């Protein structure tokens, strides 16, 4: 499975102004949230909200080890709260996913579909480690979990993806 990766996390000295940070990271964070959340519309709102919060706190955020990881986490938390509120208001017990446009590349579509079937917690770890290229420690901080949990979820998630994708190629 080939997942496009982004450049390594920006170091504090390279950040510059908030508009420069925004241009450099908004698409990557949006893509990571879209994959993690399984809903492009909610991901767009989540990244907008997270970037707005980053802008409001830019003097603090720019000093963090990984500002893009912070933005991802804020967006992820916002989306989680949003889903809870919607489910509570509508009395829905399960999260509803919106269909996505079919990918032109069948392998990419199969990979995205396989990712969508993973539990959100595993998907979040895979996105942080593979798509955002965060270290185990950075992923643990971004998701507020232990490094051991990151390793466990990554291992289980990648095993499930491998099995799903191998099963598809045999049929």
C-alpha atoms as a PDB file:
ATOM      1  CA  UNK A   1       0.000   0.000   0.000  1.00  0.00           C
ATOM      2  CA  UNK A   2       1.427   3.358  -0.964  1.00  0.00           C
ATOM      3  CA  UNK A   3       0.215   6.309   1.031  1.00  0.00           C
ATOM      4  CA  UNK A   4       1.509   9.725  -0.016  1.00  0.00           C
ATOM      5  CA  UNK A   5       3.639  11.289   2.662  1.00  0.00           C
ATOM      6  CA  UNK A   6       4.430  14.863   3.481  1.00  0.00           C
ATOM      7  CA  UNK A   7       7.730  16.439   4.368  1.00  0.00           C
ATOM      8  CA  UNK A   8       9.035  16.170   7.911  1.00  0.00           C
ATOM      9  CA  UNK A   9       7.444  18.368  10.549  1.00  0.00           C
ATOM     10  CA  UNK A  10       8.484  21.980  10.391  1.00  0.00           C
ATOM     11  CA  UNK A  11      10.979  23.079  13.031  1.00  0.00           C
ATOM     12  CA  UNK A  12      10.211  26.179  15.076  1.00  0.00           C
ATOM     13  CA  UNK A  13      12.942  28.242  13.436  1.00  0.00           C
ATOM     14  CA  UNK A  14      11.415  27.567  10.006  1.00  0.00           C
ATOM     15  CA  UNK A  15       7.854  28.564  10.869  1.00  0.00           C
ATOM     16  CA  UNK A  16       7.777  32.249  10.039  1.00  0.00           C
ATOM     17  CA  UNK A  17       4.385  33.918  10.104  1.00  0.00           C
ATOM     18  CA  UNK A  18       1.031  32.277  10.604  1.00  0.00           C
ATOM     19  CA  UNK A  19       0.054  32.752   6.921  1.00  0.00           C
ATOM     20  CA  UNK A  20       3.247  30.906   5.902  1.00  0.00           C
ATOM     21  CA  UNK A  21       2.469  28.107   8.350  1.00  0.00           C
ATOM     22  CA  UNK A  22      -1.129  27.945   7.101  1.00  0.00           C
ATOM     23  CA  UNK A  23      -0.105  27.679   3.441  1.00  0.00           C
ATOM     24  CA  UNK A  24       2.490  25.025   4.247  1.00  0.00           C
ATOM     25  CA  UNK A  25       0.271  22.822   6.430  1.00  0.00           C
ATOM     26  CA  UNK A  26      -3.456  23.340   5.866  1.00  0.00           C
ATOM     27  CA  UNK A  27      -3.790  20.800   3.049  1.00  0.00           C
ATOM     28  CA  UNK A  28      -1.759  18.134   4.841  1.00  0.00           C
ATOM     29  CA  UNK A  29      -3.715  18.530   8.090  1.00  0.00           C
ATOM     30  CA  UNK A  30      -7.016  18.538   6.172  1.00  0.00           C
ATOM     31  CA  UNK A  31      -6.040  15.342   4.345  1.00  0.00           C
ATOM     32  CA  UNK A  32      -5.029  13.684   7.625  1.00  0.00           C
ATOM     33  CA  UNK A  33      -8.316  14.656   9.275  1.00  0.00           C
ATOM     34  CA  UNK A  34     -10.362  13.540   6.251  1.00  0.00           C
ATOM     35  CA  UNK A  35      -8.757  10.109   6.348  1.00  0.00           C
ATOM     36  CA  UNK A  36      -9.021   9.844  10.128  1.00  0.00           C
ATOM     37  CA  UNK A  37     -12.606  11.054  10.376  1.00  0.00           C
ATOM     38  CA  UNK A  38     -13.924   9.394   7.228  1.00  0.00           C
ATOM     39  CA  UNK A  39     -15.872  12.525   6.331  1.00  0.00           C
ATOM     40  CA  UNK A  40     -14.461  15.228   4.074  1.00  0.00           C
ATOM     41  CA  UNK A  41     -16.988  17.904   5.078  1.00  0.00           C
ATOM     42  CA  UNK A  42     -16.409  17.491   8.817  1.00  0.00           C
ATOM     43  CA  UNK A  43     -12.650  17.421   8.191  1.00  0.00           C
ATOM     44  CA  UNK A  44     -12.857  20.758   6.355  1.00  0.00           C
ATOM     45  CA  UNK A  45     -14.757  22.341   9.245  1.00  0.00           C
ATOM     46  CA  UNK A  46     -12.387  20.773  11.773  1.00  0.00           C
ATOM     47  CA  UNK A  47      -9.255  22.082  10.058  1.00  0.00           C
ATOM     48  CA  UNK A  48     -10.834  25.535   9.707  1.00  0.00           C
ATOM     49  CA  UNK A  49     -11.676  25.595  13.411  1.00  0.00           C
ATOM     50  CA  UNK A  50      -8.237  24.306  14.406  1.00  0.00           C
ATOM     51  CA  UNK A  51      -6.400  26.797  12.195  1.00  0.00           C
ATOM     52  CA  UNK A  52      -8.524  29.618  13.622  1.00  0.00           C
ATOM     53  CA  UNK A  53      -7.527  28.553  17.130  1.00  0.00           C
ATOM     54  CA  UNK A  54      -3.872  28.286  16.052  1.00  0.00           C
ATOM     55  CA  UNK A  55      -4.033  31.822  14.661  1.00  0.00           C
ATOM     56  CA  UNK A  56      -5.534  33.149  17.896  1.00  0.00           C
ATOM     57  CA  UNK A  57      -2.733  31.482  19.899  1.00  0.00           C
ATOM     58  CA  UNK A  58       0.041  31.760  17.300  1.00  0.00           C
ATOM     59  CA  UNK A  59       2.695  33.118  19.695  1.00  0.00           C
ATOM     60  CA  UNK A  60       2.246  30.008  21.835  1.00  0.00           C
ATOM     61  CA  UNK A  61       1.591  27.486  19.028  1.00  0.00           C
ATOM     62  CA  UNK A  62       4.672  28.475  17.012  1.00  0.00           C
ATOM     63  CA  UNK A  63       6.836  27.541  20.022  1.00  0.00           C
ATOM     64  CA  UNK A  64       5.510  23.974  20.176  1.00  0.00           C
ATOM     65  CA  UNK A  65       7.666  21.116  18.921  1.00  0.00           C
ATOM     66  CA  UNK A  66       5.072  20.247  16.282  1.00  0.00           C
ATOM     67  CA  UNK A  67       2.505  22.976  15.557  1.00  0.00           C
ATOM     68  CA  UNK A  68       0.924  20.935  12.729  1.00  0.00           C
ATOM     69  CA  UNK A  69       0.416  18.045  15.170  1.00  0.00           C
ATOM     70  CA  UNK A  70      -1.241  20.464  17.581  1.00  0.00           C
ATOM     71  CA  UNK A  71      -3.577  21.673  14.812  1.00  0.00           C
ATOM     72  CA  UNK A  72      -4.413  18.059  13.908  1.00  0.00           C
ATOM     73  CA  UNK A  73      -5.237  17.246  17.532  1.00  0.00           C
ATOM     74  CA  UNK A  74      -7.396  20.359  17.970  1.00  0.00           C
ATOM     75  CA  UNK A  75      -9.275  19.509  14.765  1.00  0.00           C
ATOM     76  CA  UNK A  76      -9.683  15.882  15.834  1.00  0.00           C
ATOM     77  CA  UNK A  77     -11.019  16.949  19.246  1.00  0.00           C
ATOM     78  CA  UNK A  78     -13.401  19.449  17.642  1.00  0.00           C
ATOM     79  CA  UNK A  79     -14.756  16.786  15.272  1.00  0.00           C
ATOM     80  CA  UNK A  80     -15.174  14.278  18.101  1.00  0.00           C
ATOM     81  CA  UNK A  81     -17.185  16.832  20.076  1.00  0.00           C
ATOM     82  CA  UNK A  82     -19.214  17.694  16.977  1.00  0.00           C
ATOM     83  CA  UNK A  83     -20.099  14.025  16.339  1.00  0.00           C
ATOM     84  CA  UNK A  84     -21.156  13.594  19.980  1.00  0.00           C
ATOM     85  CA  UNK A  85     -23.364  16.671  19.818  1.00  0.00           C
ATOM     86  CA  UNK A  86     -24.997  15.537  16.548  1.00  0.00           C
ATOM     87  CA  UNK A  87     -25.626  12.017  17.876  1.00  0.00           C
ATOM     88  CA  UNK A  88     -27.065  13.426  21.107  1.00  0.00           C
ATOM     89  CA  UNK A  89     -29.339  15.863  19.282  1.00  0.00           C
ATOM     90  CA  UNK A  90     -30.532  13.331  16.732  1.00  0.00           C
ATOM     91  CA  UNK A  91     -30.594  10.341  19.056  1.00  0.00           C
ATOM     92  CA  UNK A  92     -28.245   8.509  16.685  1.00  0.00           C
ATOM     93  CA  UNK A  93     -26.204   5.747  18.238  1.00  0.00           C
ATOM     94  CA  UNK A  94     -23.694   5.265  15.426  1.00  0.00           C
ATOM     95  CA  UNK A  95     -21.646   7.683  13.410  1.00  0.00           C
ATOM     96  CA  UNK A  96     -22.943   8.228   9.915  1.00  0.00           C
ATOM     97  CA  UNK A  97     -20.358   8.430   7.161  1.00  0.00           C
ATOM     98  CA  UNK A  98     -20.934  10.278   3.961  1.00  0.00           C
ATOM     99  CA  UNK A  99     -20.019   8.482   0.744  1.00  0.00           C
ATOM    100  CA  UNK A 100     -16.923   9.674  -1.036  1.00  0.00           C
ATOM    101  CA  UNK A 101     -16.359  10.173  -4.687  1.00  0.00           C
ATOM    102  CA  UNK A 102     -14.823   7.069  -6.238  1.00  0.00           C
ATOM    103  CA  UNK A 103     -11.091   7.315  -6.711  1.00  0.00           C
ATOM    104  CA  UNK A 104      -9.732   6.986 -10.209  1.00  0.00           C
ATOM    105  CA  UNK A 105      -7.042   4.606  -8.948  1.00  0.00           C
ATOM    106  CA  UNK A 106      -8.665   1.312  -7.795  1.00  0.00           C
ATOM    107  CA  UNK A 107      -5.750   0.549  -5.450  1.00  0.00           C
ATOM    108  CA  UNK A 108      -6.041   3.958  -3.775  1.00  0.00           C
ATOM    109  CA  UNK A 109      -9.803   3.517  -3.466  1.00  0.00           C
ATOM    110  CA  UNK A 110      -9.303   0.060  -1.895  1.00  0.00           C
ATOM    111  CA  UNK A 111      -6.733   1.448   0.543  1.00  0.00           C
ATOM    112  CA  UNK A 112      -9.005   4.321   1.574  1.00  0.00           C
ATOM    113  CA  UNK A 113     -11.961   1.968   1.956  1.00  0.00           C
ATOM    114  CA  UNK A 114      -9.839  -0.370   4.099  1.00  0.00           C
ATOM    115  CA  UNK A 115      -8.742   2.579   6.262  1.00  0.00           C
ATOM    116  CA  UNK A 116     -12.372   3.642   6.650  1.00  0.00           C
ATOM    117  CA  UNK A 117     -13.213   0.238   8.119  1.00  0.00           C
ATOM    118  CA  UNK A 118     -10.618   0.541  10.877  1.00  0.00           C
ATOM    119  CA  UNK A 119     -11.658   1.884  14.263  1.00  0.00           C
ATOM    120  CA  UNK A 120     -11.083   5.644  14.421  1.00  0.00           C
ATOM    121  CA  UNK A 121      -8.411   5.245  17.128  1.00  0.00           C
ATOM    122  CA  UNK A 122      -6.284   2.987  14.890  1.00  0.00           C
ATOM    123  CA  UNK A 123      -6.920   5.201  11.864  1.00  0.00           C
ATOM    124  CA  UNK A 124      -5.751   8.275  13.811  1.00  0.00           C
ATOM    125  CA  UNK A 125      -2.484   6.593  14.784  1.00  0.00           C
ATOM    126  CA  UNK A 126      -1.813   5.390  11.223  1.00  0.00           C
ATOM    127  CA  UNK A 127      -2.527   8.850   9.837  1.00  0.00           C
ATOM    128  CA  UNK A 128      -0.196  10.512  12.345  1.00  0.00           C
ATOM    129  CA  UNK A 129       2.622   8.028  11.812  1.00  0.00           C
ATOM    130  CA  UNK A 130       2.361   7.559   8.026  1.00  0.00           C
ATOM    131  CA  UNK A 131       0.652  10.590   6.526  1.00  0.00           C
ATOM    132  CA  UNK A 132       1.883  13.260   8.947  1.00  0.00           C
ATOM    133  CA  UNK A 133       5.194  11.434   9.563  1.00  0.00           C
ATOM    134  CA  UNK A 134       5.076  12.042  13.303  1.00  0.00           C
ATOM    135  CA  UNK A 135       7.342  10.004  15.559  1.00  0.00           C
ATOM    136  CA  UNK A 136       5.869   7.602  18.092  1.00  0.00           C
ATOM    137  CA  UNK A 137       6.385  10.178  20.843  1.00  0.00           C
ATOM    138  CA  UNK A 138       4.862  13.004  18.756  1.00  0.00           C
ATOM    139  CA  UNK A 139       1.870  10.812  17.892  1.00  0.00           C
ATOM    140  CA  UNK A 140       1.378   9.946  21.557  1.00  0.00           C
ATOM    141  CA  UNK A 141       1.408  13.645  22.486  1.00  0.00           C
ATOM    142  CA  UNK A 142      -0.869  14.638  19.595  1.00  0.00           C
ATOM    143  CA  UNK A 143      -3.472  11.990  20.493  1.00  0.00           C
ATOM    144  CA  UNK A 144      -3.003  12.161  24.287  1.00  0.00           C
ATOM    145  CA  UNK A 145      -2.179   8.462  24.573  1.00  0.00           C
ATOM    146  CA  UNK A 146       0.888   6.525  25.702  1.00  0.00           C
ATOM    147  CA  UNK A 147       3.673   5.534  23.326  1.00  0.00           C
ATOM    148  CA  UNK A 148       2.842   1.883  24.018  1.00  0.00           C
ATOM    149  CA  UNK A 149      -0.737   2.505  22.893  1.00  0.00           C
ATOM    150  CA  UNK A 150       0.565   4.175  19.714  1.00  0.00           C
ATOM    151  CA  UNK A 151       2.714   1.120  18.938  1.00  0.00           C
ATOM    152  CA  UNK A 152      -0.118  -1.301  19.681  1.00  0.00           C
ATOM    153  CA  UNK A 153      -2.720   0.555  17.597  1.00  0.00           C
ATOM    154  CA  UNK A 154      -0.257   1.005  14.741  1.00  0.00           C
ATOM    155  CA  UNK A 155       0.624  -2.671  14.713  1.00  0.00           C
ATOM    156  CA  UNK A 156      -2.986  -3.850  14.896  1.00  0.00           C
ATOM    157  CA  UNK A 157      -4.150  -1.305  12.345  1.00  0.00           C
ATOM    158  CA  UNK A 158      -1.439  -2.112   9.818  1.00  0.00           C
ATOM    159  CA  UNK A 159      -2.053  -5.847  10.269  1.00  0.00           C
ATOM    160  CA  UNK A 160      -5.766  -5.347   9.616  1.00  0.00           C
ATOM    161  CA  UNK A 161      -5.038  -3.202   6.559  1.00  0.00           C
ATOM    162  CA  UNK A 162      -2.573  -5.749   5.196  1.00  0.00           C
ATOM    163  CA  UNK A 163      -5.063  -8.600   5.659  1.00  0.00           C
ATOM    164  CA  UNK A 164      -7.888  -6.619   4.079  1.00  0.00           C
ATOM    165  CA  UNK A 165      -5.812  -5.547   1.086  1.00  0.00           C
ATOM    166  CA  UNK A 166      -4.306  -9.011   0.583  1.00  0.00           C
ATOM    167  CA  UNK A 167      -7.816 -10.482   0.741  1.00  0.00           C
ATOM    168  CA  UNK A 168      -8.962  -8.079  -1.958  1.00  0.00           C
ATOM    169  CA  UNK A 169      -6.081  -8.927  -4.257  1.00  0.00           C
ATOM    170  CA  UNK A 170      -6.896 -12.647  -4.045  1.00  0.00           C
ATOM    171  CA  UNK A 171     -10.519 -12.166  -5.111  1.00  0.00           C
END
